[in-house]
Amino acid sequence: MKKILLSFSLALISSLPAFSQNVTYSYNFNNGFNELYSRGPVLSSACTGTTATETLPITVTKKVYHFDKGCGIVFNDATKNFLFAGSYTIELYFKLDTISGYKKIIDFDSLSQDAGYYNQSGKVVLYPNPASPDSMIPQGQYTYLAITRNATSKLMYMNCNGVTAGTYIDNTDKYVYDANKLLVFFQDDKSTNGEQSSGAVAMIHISNYAMDSTTVKSNYTNLHTTLHIAAVDEIRSNVTVSPNPATDKVDVTVPGACSYLLSDVTGKALRTGSFIEGTNVLPVYKLSPGMYLLRVTSKADGSSEVIKLIKQ
């Protein structure tokens, strides 16, 4: 069982250096275990869960995945080597049906070690090291959790519902996955094999870089877009964007004269202009990696279409 917990250092991290070629794998469970943009591996589970449509506390209605106790969700990185460098950000939006005692949230060692990311009666625990001083995870309610790790500094940062939950220096690489390159969510290790709960998950985001604390808090504040749900309808029958994800430029093909608005996921306008009928080139090389929204509005009838654009 668990040992005496240390206190968290609650110093706020203002900046964590980012890994080059920053990419995020997004799993929103609207299409089963598939990654949203077909870049990352398909998740797996030894059990069969259920998918249901729910209205979340952020007043968004979407599909979520319900898992039984002991039925973990597995991210297998053996092929992609996405997190090989040891820098990452993992973001979850989930709920646990039971929070009493220890409940494992993330396992890094193929279920062979007790160490990992836990709930402990509502506290956030990077076991066997620190625990948050206060209860932060409510039972049966959706919770945003984020954990980051910088491979160079070994600095880890934890956040729960937009509030800093603590920091830790992982000098022994305890919280980097083992040779099997697996991350297992919501399933306890074989050594204790009972510290787990049933629940539901609406989002798992896995990034190959350590986000700074400001970005993490912004992601929580803007969960309605961070979740990558259909907050706007994507109608691709009339407008096509290629390539997507893009690096330098995208070709935007429209059926007639249109105006466009390029914004970030918070709605901040970044660029406006016009497209002529046919294929138009839209430069994106100056954009930071991430997701953007391209709204195209017909000059003929005022109808609009919104496309999610990913800049790598």
Foldseek 3Di string as FASTA:
>chain_A
DADDEDAFDQDAFFDDDWDPPKDKFKDQCQPHQATPVNPFDRKDWPDDWDWDWDQAPVRDTGIKTWDFQQTKIKRFCPPVCLQVLPWKKKKWWKAFQDQAAWWAFKDQEQLADQAHWIRGSQWTDRPPYHIQPDRQHDHPHIKMKMWTAHSPQQKIWIDILLGTRHIDRCPVSNRHHDPRRMMIGQHHGPVVGPRGGIIMTRIIMMMNIGGHSVVSSVCSVLVVPVSVDPPDDADPPAWDWPDAQDAFKIKIAGQAKKKKFKAASVRHTDDIDIDGHGIDIGTDNPPDFDKIWMWIADPVPGDIHIDIGGYD
